[in-house]
Amino acid sequence: MKTFLLAALAALTPLVPASGREAAPATVQVPAVPAVERGHIRSWLYGDTGPVVVLVPGMSTPGAVWNDAVAQLSGDHRVLVVEVRGFDGERGTANERDGAIKGIVTDIAADLVARDLGPATIAGHSLGGLIAMRFGLDHPEFAANLLILDSLPFFGTVFSADMTLETVRPQADRMRQMLIDGADAMRAAGVEGTASGAGAMGMSVDEARRVKIANWSLDAEPLAVAQLVWEDTMMDLRQDIAALAMPVTVVHFATGEYADMARERYATDYAALDSVRIVPVDNSSHFVQLDRPEVVYAELRRLTGTSAGTN
């Protein structure tokens, strides 16, 4: 249970630096396309034909986490990559104030309308998975499918299976205040960076990827993270998801001795959604799209009705 809990907590909080930033492992380069900025998000559109896929990153993670997915999918999909403003280090954004998740959802819908993209497969990792669920509930006309990556409809059950919004609130308040109080130190740590993935244990099975994830987390603006950690923890969609009428697939890591625990947690928390497809994967940690990309791409293509051979 300890490892499962630590992985989940690390997904919500910045990481501790160690001994300076080293060169990040190589990342697939994507074509330069103009960004569209809104109050809560910025976005980039790749590809000019095929089904629309919207990719929403998780806590403290930039849009670049989806670069490999863009390379794999943009030949036969239109891929809209979303970045939560502040997760790239930008200060003073709307995501530092109340209503950040609602604002992100509203901005994604507005972006789809402005770009005339129509219904899309909404894929989100971690916090992005919760945002995808909220999007499907608020804007079902724009959500053809949902793909949820290692995200529960209520984070509180990671602390205790009987947790409620009332009982989890003190923990949410403490995490937010800790991040606010430590903001200056975290910004300084971001400048220094880290050459170790030790602070990102539970995030990936690969050390080079853990280093990259750790530095992404350190680069994020702490006040934006503080607000979104609080809102993420204080949103319980376990019963609401019963109203999701579109196909929903959930991919989550289920590795080693904690595999059965993870399977039980996901089955229980998604029980209200009878039609949900739950796909546990081994040899992975929290960033399933980095550790097991072949599974994620296969599930995306299953939802969009395309085959890998068309790219």
C-alpha atoms as a PDB file:
ATOM      1  CA  MET A   1       0.000   0.000   0.000  1.00  0.00           C
ATOM      2  CA  LYS A   2       2.850   2.406   0.820  1.00  0.00           C
ATOM      3  CA  THR A   3       4.263   2.342  -2.726  1.00  0.00           C
ATOM      4  CA  PHE A   4       0.802   2.755  -4.270  1.00  0.00           C
ATOM      5  CA  LEU A   5       0.094   5.747  -1.994  1.00  0.00           C
ATOM      6  CA  LEU A   6       3.481   7.370  -2.587  1.00  0.00           C
ATOM      7  CA  ALA A   7       3.036   7.124  -6.345  1.00  0.00           C
ATOM      8  CA  ALA A   8      -0.351   8.775  -6.115  1.00  0.00           C
ATOM      9  CA  LEU A   9       0.890  11.536  -3.810  1.00  0.00           C
ATOM     10  CA  ALA A  10       3.879  12.220  -6.039  1.00  0.00           C
ATOM     11  CA  ALA A  11       1.436  12.778  -8.880  1.00  0.00           C
ATOM     12  CA  LEU A  12       0.003  15.715  -6.922  1.00  0.00           C
ATOM     13  CA  THR A  13       3.114  17.345  -5.484  1.00  0.00           C
ATOM     14  CA  PRO A  14       6.430  18.813  -6.718  1.00  0.00           C
ATOM     15  CA  LEU A  15       9.576  16.785  -6.382  1.00  0.00           C
ATOM     16  CA  VAL A  16      12.779  17.330  -4.444  1.00  0.00           C
ATOM     17  CA  PRO A  17      15.875  18.435  -6.410  1.00  0.00           C
ATOM     18  CA  ALA A  18      19.240  16.738  -6.121  1.00  0.00           C
ATOM     19  CA  SER A  19      22.643  17.863  -7.367  1.00  0.00           C
ATOM     20  CA  GLY A  20      21.789  20.035 -10.349  1.00  0.00           C
ATOM     21  CA  ARG A  21      20.102  19.582 -13.690  1.00  0.00           C
ATOM     22  CA  GLU A  22      21.598  17.236 -16.240  1.00  0.00           C
ATOM     23  CA  ALA A  23      20.743  17.042 -19.902  1.00  0.00           C
ATOM     24  CA  ALA A  24      17.260  15.615 -20.272  1.00  0.00           C
ATOM     25  CA  PRO A  25      16.858  12.396 -22.215  1.00  0.00           C
ATOM     26  CA  ALA A  26      16.071  12.940 -25.850  1.00  0.00           C
ATOM     27  CA  THR A  27      12.487  13.858 -26.629  1.00  0.00           C
ATOM     28  CA  VAL A  28      10.829  13.369 -29.983  1.00  0.00           C
ATOM     29  CA  GLN A  29      10.641  16.718 -31.741  1.00  0.00           C
ATOM     30  CA  VAL A  30       7.277  17.820 -33.070  1.00  0.00           C
ATOM     31  CA  PRO A  31       6.655  20.306 -35.885  1.00  0.00           C
ATOM     32  CA  ALA A  32       6.516  23.977 -34.940  1.00  0.00           C
ATOM     33  CA  VAL A  33       2.894  25.070 -34.997  1.00  0.00           C
ATOM     34  CA  PRO A  34       1.364  28.241 -33.535  1.00  0.00           C
ATOM     35  CA  ALA A  35       0.006  28.073 -30.006  1.00  0.00           C
ATOM     36  CA  VAL A  36      -3.443  29.358 -29.119  1.00  0.00           C
ATOM     37  CA  GLU A  37      -3.660  30.853 -25.636  1.00  0.00           C
ATOM     38  CA  ARG A  38      -6.742  31.148 -23.461  1.00  0.00           C
ATOM     39  CA  GLY A  39      -7.085  32.088 -19.820  1.00  0.00           C
ATOM     40  CA  HIS A  40      -6.371  28.627 -18.438  1.00  0.00           C
ATOM     41  CA  ILE A  41      -4.713  26.717 -21.282  1.00  0.00           C
ATOM     42  CA  ARG A  42      -2.577  26.970 -24.371  1.00  0.00           C
ATOM     43  CA  SER A  43      -2.927  24.468 -27.185  1.00  0.00           C
ATOM     44  CA  TRP A  44      -1.280  23.244 -30.363  1.00  0.00           C
ATOM     45  CA  LEU A  45      -2.945  21.405 -33.250  1.00  0.00           C
ATOM     46  CA  TYR A  46      -1.001  18.786 -35.206  1.00  0.00           C
ATOM     47  CA  GLY A  47      -2.192  16.942 -38.298  1.00  0.00           C
ATOM     48  CA  ASP A  48      -4.822  17.990 -40.811  1.00  0.00           C
ATOM     49  CA  THR A  49      -6.966  14.898 -41.349  1.00  0.00           C
ATOM     50  CA  GLY A  50      -8.699  12.119 -39.448  1.00  0.00           C
ATOM     51  CA  PRO A  51     -10.426  11.834 -36.079  1.00  0.00           C
ATOM     52  CA  VAL A  52      -9.764  14.486 -33.446  1.00  0.00           C
ATOM     53  CA  VAL A  53      -7.849  13.549 -30.288  1.00  0.00           C
ATOM     54  CA  VAL A  54      -7.382  15.984 -27.390  1.00  0.00           C
ATOM     55  CA  LEU A  55      -4.441  15.207 -25.082  1.00  0.00           C
ATOM     56  CA  VAL A  56      -4.514  16.689 -21.563  1.00  0.00           C
ATOM     57  CA  PRO A  57      -1.433  16.267 -19.320  1.00  0.00           C
ATOM     58  CA  GLY A  58      -1.351  15.596 -15.610  1.00  0.00           C
ATOM     59  CA  MET A  59      -0.242  17.586 -12.592  1.00  0.00           C
ATOM     60  CA  SER A  60       2.898  19.727 -13.051  1.00  0.00           C
ATOM     61  CA  THR A  61       3.393  18.306 -16.538  1.00  0.00           C
ATOM     62  CA  PRO A  62       3.845  20.334 -19.755  1.00  0.00           C
ATOM     63  CA  GLY A  63       2.314  19.589 -23.127  1.00  0.00           C
ATOM     64  CA  ALA A  64       5.663  18.127 -24.217  1.00  0.00           C
ATOM     65  CA  VAL A  65       4.778  14.914 -22.369  1.00  0.00           C
ATOM     66  CA  TRP A  66       2.672  14.117 -25.475  1.00  0.00           C
ATOM     67  CA  ASN A  67       5.421  14.618 -28.091  1.00  0.00           C
ATOM     68  CA  ASP A  68       5.744  10.882 -28.762  1.00  0.00           C
ATOM     69  CA  ALA A  69       1.974  10.597 -29.087  1.00  0.00           C
ATOM     70  CA  VAL A  70       1.928  13.451 -31.592  1.00  0.00           C
ATOM     71  CA  ALA A  71       4.567  11.679 -33.686  1.00  0.00           C
ATOM     72  CA  GLN A  72       2.606   8.422 -33.569  1.00  0.00           C
ATOM     73  CA  LEU A  73      -0.874   9.803 -34.214  1.00  0.00           C
ATOM     74  CA  SER A  74      -0.724  13.009 -36.247  1.00  0.00           C
ATOM     75  CA  GLY A  75      -0.337  11.233 -39.587  1.00  0.00           C
ATOM     76  CA  ASP A  76      -3.959  10.086 -39.474  1.00  0.00           C
ATOM     77  CA  HIS A  77      -5.460  12.114 -36.612  1.00  0.00           C
ATOM     78  CA  ARG A  78      -5.865  15.757 -35.769  1.00  0.00           C
ATOM     79  CA  VAL A  79      -4.124  15.962 -32.391  1.00  0.00           C
ATOM     80  CA  LEU A  80      -4.867  18.878 -30.076  1.00  0.00           C
ATOM     81  CA  VAL A  81      -2.260  19.064 -27.312  1.00  0.00           C
ATOM     82  CA  VAL A  82      -3.378  21.005 -24.242  1.00  0.00           C
ATOM     83  CA  GLU A  83      -1.019  22.589 -21.730  1.00  0.00           C
ATOM     84  CA  VAL A  84      -2.272  23.882 -18.396  1.00  0.00           C
ATOM     85  CA  ARG A  85      -0.927  27.399 -17.995  1.00  0.00           C
ATOM     86  CA  GLY A  86       1.458  27.564 -15.068  1.00  0.00           C
ATOM     87  CA  PHE A  87       2.746  24.031 -15.546  1.00  0.00           C
ATOM     88  CA  ASP A  88       5.487  25.484 -17.762  1.00  0.00           C
ATOM     89  CA  GLY A  89       6.531  27.897 -14.975  1.00  0.00           C
ATOM     90  CA  GLU A  90       4.374  30.832 -16.061  1.00  0.00           C
ATOM     91  CA  ARG A  91       3.347  32.943 -13.061  1.00  0.00           C
ATOM     92  CA  GLY A  92       0.152  34.883 -12.358  1.00  0.00           C
ATOM     93  CA  THR A  93      -2.208  32.733 -14.445  1.00  0.00           C
ATOM     94  CA  ALA A  94      -5.906  32.115 -13.881  1.00  0.00           C
ATOM     95  CA  ASN A  95      -4.994  28.643 -12.614  1.00  0.00           C
ATOM     96  CA  GLU A  96      -3.774  30.167  -9.351  1.00  0.00           C
ATOM     97  CA  ARG A  97      -7.366  31.118  -8.460  1.00  0.00           C
ATOM     98  CA  ASP A  98     -10.573  29.281  -7.602  1.00  0.00           C
ATOM     99  CA  GLY A  99     -12.310  27.541 -10.474  1.00  0.00           C
ATOM    100  CA  ALA A 100      -9.191  26.385 -12.287  1.00  0.00           C
ATOM    101  CA  ILE A 101     -10.549  22.987 -13.369  1.00  0.00           C
ATOM    102  CA  LYS A 102     -13.835  24.525 -14.508  1.00  0.00           C
ATOM    103  CA  GLY A 103     -11.867  27.125 -16.464  1.00  0.00           C
ATOM    104  CA  ILE A 104      -9.678  24.490 -18.123  1.00  0.00           C
ATOM    105  CA  VAL A 105     -12.749  22.497 -19.189  1.00  0.00           C
ATOM    106  CA  THR A 106     -14.448  25.607 -20.542  1.00  0.00           C
ATOM    107  CA  ASP A 107     -11.336  26.639 -22.468  1.00  0.00           C
ATOM    108  CA  ILE A 108     -10.949  23.216 -24.096  1.00  0.00           C
ATOM    109  CA  ALA A 109     -14.560  23.378 -25.293  1.00  0.00           C
ATOM    110  CA  ALA A 110     -14.019  26.903 -26.621  1.00  0.00           C
ATOM    111  CA  ASP A 111     -10.874  25.778 -28.415  1.00  0.00           C
ATOM    112  CA  LEU A 112     -12.705  22.938 -30.160  1.00  0.00           C
ATOM    113  CA  VAL A 113     -15.418  25.354 -31.284  1.00  0.00           C
ATOM    114  CA  ALA A 114     -12.980  28.008 -32.482  1.00  0.00           C
ATOM    115  CA  ARG A 115     -10.960  25.459 -34.445  1.00  0.00           C
ATOM    116  CA  ASP A 116     -14.154  23.843 -35.822  1.00  0.00           C
ATOM    117  CA  LEU A 117     -12.951  20.410 -34.723  1.00  0.00           C
ATOM    118  CA  GLY A 118     -16.236  18.893 -33.591  1.00  0.00           C
ATOM    119  CA  PRO A 119     -16.558  15.860 -31.268  1.00  0.00           C
ATOM    120  CA  ALA A 120     -13.219  14.457 -30.129  1.00  0.00           C
ATOM    121  CA  THR A 121     -11.659  11.634 -28.168  1.00  0.00           C
ATOM    122  CA  ILE A 122     -10.580  13.322 -24.933  1.00  0.00           C
ATOM    123  CA  ALA A 123      -7.530  11.639 -23.404  1.00  0.00           C
ATOM    124  CA  GLY A 124      -6.170  12.756 -20.064  1.00  0.00           C
ATOM    125  CA  HIS A 125      -3.466  11.547 -17.698  1.00  0.00           C
ATOM    126  CA  SER A 126      -3.754  11.866 -13.900  1.00  0.00           C
ATOM    127  CA  LEU A 127      -5.241  15.343 -13.260  1.00  0.00           C
ATOM    128  CA  GLY A 128      -5.909  15.391 -17.008  1.00  0.00           C
ATOM    129  CA  GLY A 129      -8.017  12.259 -16.587  1.00  0.00           C
ATOM    130  CA  LEU A 130     -10.210  13.997 -14.019  1.00  0.00           C
ATOM    131  CA  ILE A 131     -10.470  16.967 -16.380  1.00  0.00           C
ATOM    132  CA  ALA A 132     -11.502  14.597 -19.185  1.00  0.00           C
ATOM    133  CA  MET A 133     -14.267  13.141 -17.003  1.00  0.00           C
ATOM    134  CA  ARG A 134     -15.475  16.609 -16.036  1.00  0.00           C
ATOM    135  CA  PHE A 135     -15.374  17.613 -19.705  1.00  0.00           C
ATOM    136  CA  GLY A 136     -17.469  14.599 -20.690  1.00  0.00           C
ATOM    137  CA  LEU A 137     -20.069  15.544 -18.090  1.00  0.00           C
ATOM    138  CA  ASP A 138     -20.160  19.264 -18.923  1.00  0.00           C
ATOM    139  CA  HIS A 139     -19.754  19.065 -22.719  1.00  0.00           C
ATOM    140  CA  PRO A 140     -20.947  15.646 -23.901  1.00  0.00           C
ATOM    141  CA  GLU A 141     -21.626  17.074 -27.363  1.00  0.00           C
ATOM    142  CA  PHE A 142     -17.858  17.515 -27.841  1.00  0.00           C
ATOM    143  CA  ALA A 143     -16.746  14.212 -26.281  1.00  0.00           C
ATOM    144  CA  ALA A 144     -16.994  11.253 -28.653  1.00  0.00           C
ATOM    145  CA  ASN A 145     -14.921   9.057 -26.296  1.00  0.00           C
ATOM    146  CA  LEU A 146     -12.885   9.364 -23.121  1.00  0.00           C
ATOM    147  CA  LEU A 147      -9.508   7.736 -22.467  1.00  0.00           C
ATOM    148  CA  ILE A 148      -8.486   8.047 -18.826  1.00  0.00           C
ATOM    149  CA  LEU A 149      -4.859   7.286 -17.949  1.00  0.00           C
ATOM    150  CA  ASP A 150      -4.063   6.322 -14.354  1.00  0.00           C
ATOM    151  CA  SER A 151      -6.669   8.594 -12.814  1.00  0.00           C
ATOM    152  CA  LEU A 152      -9.412   7.915 -10.281  1.00  0.00           C
ATOM    153  CA  PRO A 153     -12.743   9.770 -10.165  1.00  0.00           C
ATOM    154  CA  PHE A 154     -11.928  10.709  -6.539  1.00  0.00           C
ATOM    155  CA  PHE A 155      -8.338  11.009  -5.372  1.00  0.00           C
ATOM    156  CA  GLY A 156      -9.407  10.795  -1.736  1.00  0.00           C
ATOM    157  CA  THR A 157      -9.770   7.013  -1.856  1.00  0.00           C
ATOM    158  CA  VAL A 158      -5.990   6.750  -2.224  1.00  0.00           C
ATOM    159  CA  PHE A 159      -5.759   7.857   1.416  1.00  0.00           C
ATOM    160  CA  SER A 160      -8.612   5.662   2.623  1.00  0.00           C
ATOM    161  CA  ALA A 161     -11.329   3.634   0.932  1.00  0.00           C
ATOM    162  CA  ASP A 162     -14.009   5.335   3.058  1.00  0.00           C
ATOM    163  CA  MET A 163     -12.757   8.885   2.455  1.00  0.00           C
ATOM    164  CA  THR A 164     -15.316  11.601   1.687  1.00  0.00           C
ATOM    165  CA  LEU A 165     -15.009  15.221   0.589  1.00  0.00           C
ATOM    166  CA  GLU A 166     -15.575  16.263   4.188  1.00  0.00           C
ATOM    167  CA  THR A 167     -12.897  14.008   5.637  1.00  0.00           C
ATOM    168  CA  VAL A 168     -10.320  14.635   2.906  1.00  0.00           C
ATOM    169  CA  ARG A 169     -10.582  18.420   3.107  1.00  0.00           C
ATOM    170  CA  PRO A 170      -8.002  18.868   5.909  1.00  0.00           C
ATOM    171  CA  GLN A 171      -5.477  16.921   3.822  1.00  0.00           C
ATOM    172  CA  ALA A 172      -6.287  18.992   0.731  1.00  0.00           C
ATOM    173  CA  ASP A 173      -5.914  22.201   2.737  1.00  0.00           C
ATOM    174  CA  ARG A 174      -2.563  21.079   4.143  1.00  0.00           C
ATOM    175  CA  MET A 175      -1.166  20.145   0.746  1.00  0.00           C
ATOM    176  CA  ARG A 176      -2.221  23.467  -0.754  1.00  0.00           C
ATOM    177  CA  GLN A 177      -0.743  25.475   2.126  1.00  0.00           C
ATOM    178  CA  MET A 178       2.493  23.492   2.030  1.00  0.00           C
ATOM    179  CA  LEU A 179       2.913  24.339  -1.656  1.00  0.00           C
ATOM    180  CA  ILE A 180       2.098  28.016  -1.110  1.00  0.00           C
ATOM    181  CA  ASP A 181       4.511  28.290   1.826  1.00  0.00           C
ATOM    182  CA  GLY A 182       7.267  26.563  -0.128  1.00  0.00           C
ATOM    183  CA  ALA A 183       6.750  28.418  -3.414  1.00  0.00           C
ATOM    184  CA  ASP A 184       9.961  30.442  -3.360  1.00  0.00           C
ATOM    185  CA  ALA A 185      12.060  27.415  -2.464  1.00  0.00           C
ATOM    186  CA  MET A 186      10.424  25.351  -5.198  1.00  0.00           C
ATOM    187  CA  ARG A 187      11.049  28.051  -7.818  1.00  0.00           C
ATOM    188  CA  ALA A 188      14.714  28.147  -6.775  1.00  0.00           C
ATOM    189  CA  ALA A 189      14.857  24.363  -6.991  1.00  0.00           C
ATOM    190  CA  GLY A 190      13.422  24.570 -10.488  1.00  0.00           C
ATOM    191  CA  VAL A 191      16.262  26.817 -11.593  1.00  0.00           C
ATOM    192  CA  GLU A 192      18.796  24.340 -10.222  1.00  0.00           C
ATOM    193  CA  GLY A 193      16.954  21.274 -11.466  1.00  0.00           C
ATOM    194  CA  THR A 194      17.789  17.695 -10.605  1.00  0.00           C
ATOM    195  CA  ALA A 195      20.019  15.018 -12.067  1.00  0.00           C
ATOM    196  CA  SER A 196      18.281  12.291 -10.091  1.00  0.00           C
ATOM    197  CA  GLY A 197      14.970  10.548 -10.554  1.00  0.00           C
ATOM    198  CA  ALA A 198      14.808   9.576  -6.880  1.00  0.00           C
ATOM    199  CA  GLY A 199      12.082  12.123  -6.185  1.00  0.00           C
ATOM    200  CA  ALA A 200       9.958  10.652  -8.964  1.00  0.00           C
ATOM    201  CA  MET A 201       9.852   7.088  -7.735  1.00  0.00           C
ATOM    202  CA  GLY A 202       6.496   5.636  -8.640  1.00  0.00           C
ATOM    203  CA  MET A 203       6.228   7.865 -11.698  1.00  0.00           C
ATOM    204  CA  SER A 204       8.056   5.643 -14.219  1.00  0.00           C
ATOM    205  CA  VAL A 205       9.884   2.335 -14.319  1.00  0.00           C
ATOM    206  CA  ASP A 206      12.798   3.997 -16.165  1.00  0.00           C
ATOM    207  CA  GLU A 207      15.371   6.252 -14.486  1.00  0.00           C
ATOM    208  CA  ALA A 208      15.871   8.558 -17.477  1.00  0.00           C
ATOM    209  CA  ARG A 209      12.134   9.143 -17.668  1.00  0.00           C
ATOM    210  CA  ARG A 210      11.997   9.760 -13.913  1.00  0.00           C
ATOM    211  CA  VAL A 211      14.652  12.470 -14.267  1.00  0.00           C
ATOM    212  CA  LYS A 212      12.625  14.131 -17.012  1.00  0.00           C
ATOM    213  CA  ILE A 213       9.412  13.928 -14.967  1.00  0.00           C
ATOM    214  CA  ALA A 214      11.179  15.323 -11.902  1.00  0.00           C
ATOM    215  CA  ASN A 215      12.436  18.342 -13.836  1.00  0.00           C
ATOM    216  CA  TRP A 216       9.028  18.952 -15.396  1.00  0.00           C
ATOM    217  CA  SER A 217       7.568  19.009 -11.895  1.00  0.00           C
ATOM    218  CA  LEU A 218      10.236  21.375 -10.611  1.00  0.00           C
ATOM    219  CA  ASP A 219       9.607  23.749 -13.521  1.00  0.00           C
ATOM    220  CA  ALA A 220       5.891  24.122 -12.728  1.00  0.00           C
ATOM    221  CA  GLU A 221       4.671  27.263 -10.957  1.00  0.00           C
ATOM    222  CA  PRO A 222       3.929  26.230  -7.346  1.00  0.00           C
ATOM    223  CA  LEU A 223       0.876  28.484  -6.921  1.00  0.00           C
ATOM    224  CA  ALA A 224      -0.836  26.941  -9.940  1.00  0.00           C
ATOM    225  CA  VAL A 225       0.070  23.485  -8.657  1.00  0.00           C
ATOM    226  CA  ALA A 226      -1.236  24.371  -5.180  1.00  0.00           C
ATOM    227  CA  GLN A 227      -4.641  25.406  -6.513  1.00  0.00           C
ATOM    228  CA  LEU A 228      -5.008  22.422  -8.812  1.00  0.00           C
ATOM    229  CA  VAL A 229      -3.846  19.959  -6.144  1.00  0.00           C
ATOM    230  CA  TRP A 230      -6.630  21.307  -3.925  1.00  0.00           C
ATOM    231  CA  GLU A 231      -9.290  21.191  -6.633  1.00  0.00           C
ATOM    232  CA  ASP A 232      -8.197  17.725  -7.791  1.00  0.00           C
ATOM    233  CA  THR A 233      -8.418  16.349  -4.245  1.00  0.00           C
ATOM    234  CA  MET A 234     -11.765  18.075  -3.616  1.00  0.00           C
ATOM    235  CA  MET A 235     -13.576  16.723  -6.683  1.00  0.00           C
ATOM    236  CA  ASP A 236     -15.515  13.475  -6.253  1.00  0.00           C
ATOM    237  CA  LEU A 237     -17.011  12.187  -9.511  1.00  0.00           C
ATOM    238  CA  ARG A 238     -17.590   8.572  -8.442  1.00  0.00           C
ATOM    239  CA  GLN A 239     -21.366   8.841  -8.770  1.00  0.00           C
ATOM    240  CA  ASP A 240     -21.436  11.547 -11.453  1.00  0.00           C
ATOM    241  CA  ILE A 241     -19.677   9.335 -13.989  1.00  0.00           C
ATOM    242  CA  ALA A 242     -22.828   7.229 -14.263  1.00  0.00           C
ATOM    243  CA  ALA A 243     -24.106  10.010 -16.546  1.00  0.00           C
ATOM    244  CA  LEU A 244     -21.281   9.569 -19.088  1.00  0.00           C
ATOM    245  CA  ALA A 245     -22.964   8.223 -22.231  1.00  0.00           C
ATOM    246  CA  MET A 246     -19.892   8.047 -24.483  1.00  0.00           C
ATOM    247  CA  PRO A 247     -17.434   5.110 -24.492  1.00  0.00           C
ATOM    248  CA  VAL A 248     -14.959   5.395 -21.617  1.00  0.00           C
ATOM    249  CA  THR A 249     -11.692   3.457 -21.339  1.00  0.00           C
ATOM    250  CA  VAL A 250      -9.465   3.593 -18.265  1.00  0.00           C
ATOM    251  CA  VAL A 251      -5.823   2.453 -18.479  1.00  0.00           C
ATOM    252  CA  HIS A 252      -3.998   2.165 -15.162  1.00  0.00           C
ATOM    253  CA  PHE A 253      -0.762   0.677 -13.942  1.00  0.00           C
ATOM    254  CA  ALA A 254      -1.019  -2.590 -12.014  1.00  0.00           C
ATOM    255  CA  THR A 255       2.521  -3.755 -11.371  1.00  0.00           C
ATOM    256  CA  GLY A 256       4.047  -6.322  -9.050  1.00  0.00           C
ATOM    257  CA  GLU A 257       2.735  -6.919  -5.541  1.00  0.00           C
ATOM    258  CA  TYR A 258       0.383  -3.918  -5.762  1.00  0.00           C
ATOM    259  CA  ALA A 259      -1.372  -5.062  -8.933  1.00  0.00           C
ATOM    260  CA  ASP A 260      -4.365  -6.610  -7.182  1.00  0.00           C
ATOM    261  CA  MET A 261      -4.794  -3.563  -4.953  1.00  0.00           C
ATOM    262  CA  ALA A 262      -4.793  -1.255  -7.968  1.00  0.00           C
ATOM    263  CA  ARG A 263      -7.286  -3.429  -9.848  1.00  0.00           C
ATOM    264  CA  GLU A 264      -9.640  -3.458  -6.866  1.00  0.00           C
ATOM    265  CA  ARG A 265      -9.382   0.297  -6.351  1.00  0.00           C
ATOM    266  CA  TYR A 266     -10.190   1.081  -9.983  1.00  0.00           C
ATOM    267  CA  ALA A 267     -13.023  -1.445 -10.207  1.00  0.00           C
ATOM    268  CA  THR A 268     -14.590  -0.043  -7.035  1.00  0.00           C
ATOM    269  CA  ASP A 269     -14.230   3.642  -7.857  1.00  0.00           C
ATOM    270  CA  TYR A 270     -15.571   3.255 -11.418  1.00  0.00           C
ATOM    271  CA  ALA A 271     -18.409   0.927 -10.370  1.00  0.00           C
ATOM    272  CA  ALA A 272     -21.123   3.507 -11.121  1.00  0.00           C
ATOM    273  CA  LEU A 273     -20.175   3.469 -14.824  1.00  0.00           C
ATOM    274  CA  ASP A 274     -21.400   0.069 -15.977  1.00  0.00           C
ATOM    275  CA  SER A 275     -20.021   0.359 -19.498  1.00  0.00           C
ATOM    276  CA  VAL A 276     -16.469   1.377 -18.565  1.00  0.00           C
ATOM    277  CA  ARG A 277     -13.581  -0.591 -20.077  1.00  0.00           C
ATOM    278  CA  ILE A 278     -10.740  -0.927 -17.553  1.00  0.00           C
ATOM    279  CA  VAL A 279      -7.301  -1.964 -18.831  1.00  0.00           C
ATOM    280  CA  PRO A 280      -4.659  -2.748 -16.174  1.00  0.00           C
ATOM    281  CA  VAL A 281      -1.071  -2.775 -17.445  1.00  0.00           C
ATOM    282  CA  ASP A 282       2.078  -4.195 -15.906  1.00  0.00           C
ATOM    283  CA  ASN A 283       5.707  -3.055 -16.334  1.00  0.00           C
ATOM    284  CA  SER A 284       4.559   0.506 -15.754  1.00  0.00           C
ATOM    285  CA  SER A 285       4.242   3.205 -13.132  1.00  0.00           C
ATOM    286  CA  HIS A 286       2.044   6.315 -13.043  1.00  0.00           C
ATOM    287  CA  PHE A 287       3.066   7.710 -16.443  1.00  0.00           C
ATOM    288  CA  VAL A 288       1.563   4.856 -18.424  1.00  0.00           C
ATOM    289  CA  GLN A 289       1.780   6.845 -21.669  1.00  0.00           C
ATOM    290  CA  LEU A 290       5.580   6.884 -21.294  1.00  0.00           C
ATOM    291  CA  ASP A 291       6.125   3.411 -19.841  1.00  0.00           C
ATOM    292  CA  ARG A 292       3.605   1.536 -21.983  1.00  0.00           C
ATOM    293  CA  PRO A 293       2.892   3.802 -24.968  1.00  0.00           C
ATOM    294  CA  GLU A 294       1.966   0.875 -27.210  1.00  0.00           C
ATOM    295  CA  VAL A 295      -1.008   0.098 -24.962  1.00  0.00           C
ATOM    296  CA  VAL A 296      -2.127   3.721 -24.868  1.00  0.00           C
ATOM    297  CA  TYR A 297      -1.862   4.163 -28.654  1.00  0.00           C
ATOM    298  CA  ALA A 298      -3.723   0.907 -29.254  1.00  0.00           C
ATOM    299  CA  GLU A 299      -6.557   2.025 -26.984  1.00  0.00           C
ATOM    300  CA  LEU A 300      -6.685   5.435 -28.660  1.00  0.00           C
ATOM    301  CA  ARG A 301      -6.857   3.835 -32.086  1.00  0.00           C
ATOM    302  CA  ARG A 302      -9.535   1.430 -30.907  1.00  0.00           C
ATOM    303  CA  LEU A 303     -11.630   4.406 -29.779  1.00  0.00           C
ATOM    304  CA  THR A 304     -11.052   6.416 -32.973  1.00  0.00           C
ATOM    305  CA  GLY A 305     -11.495   3.445 -35.309  1.00  0.00           C
ATOM    306  CA  THR A 306      -8.067   3.679 -36.944  1.00  0.00           C
ATOM    307  CA  SER A 307      -5.278   1.135 -37.337  1.00  0.00           C
ATOM    308  CA  ALA A 308      -1.584   1.565 -36.639  1.00  0.00           C
ATOM    309  CA  GLY A 309      -0.709   0.789 -40.234  1.00  0.00           C
ATOM    310  CA  THR A 310      -2.309   3.991 -41.520  1.00  0.00           C
ATOM    311  CA  ASN A 311       0.237   6.345 -39.968  1.00  0.00           C
END
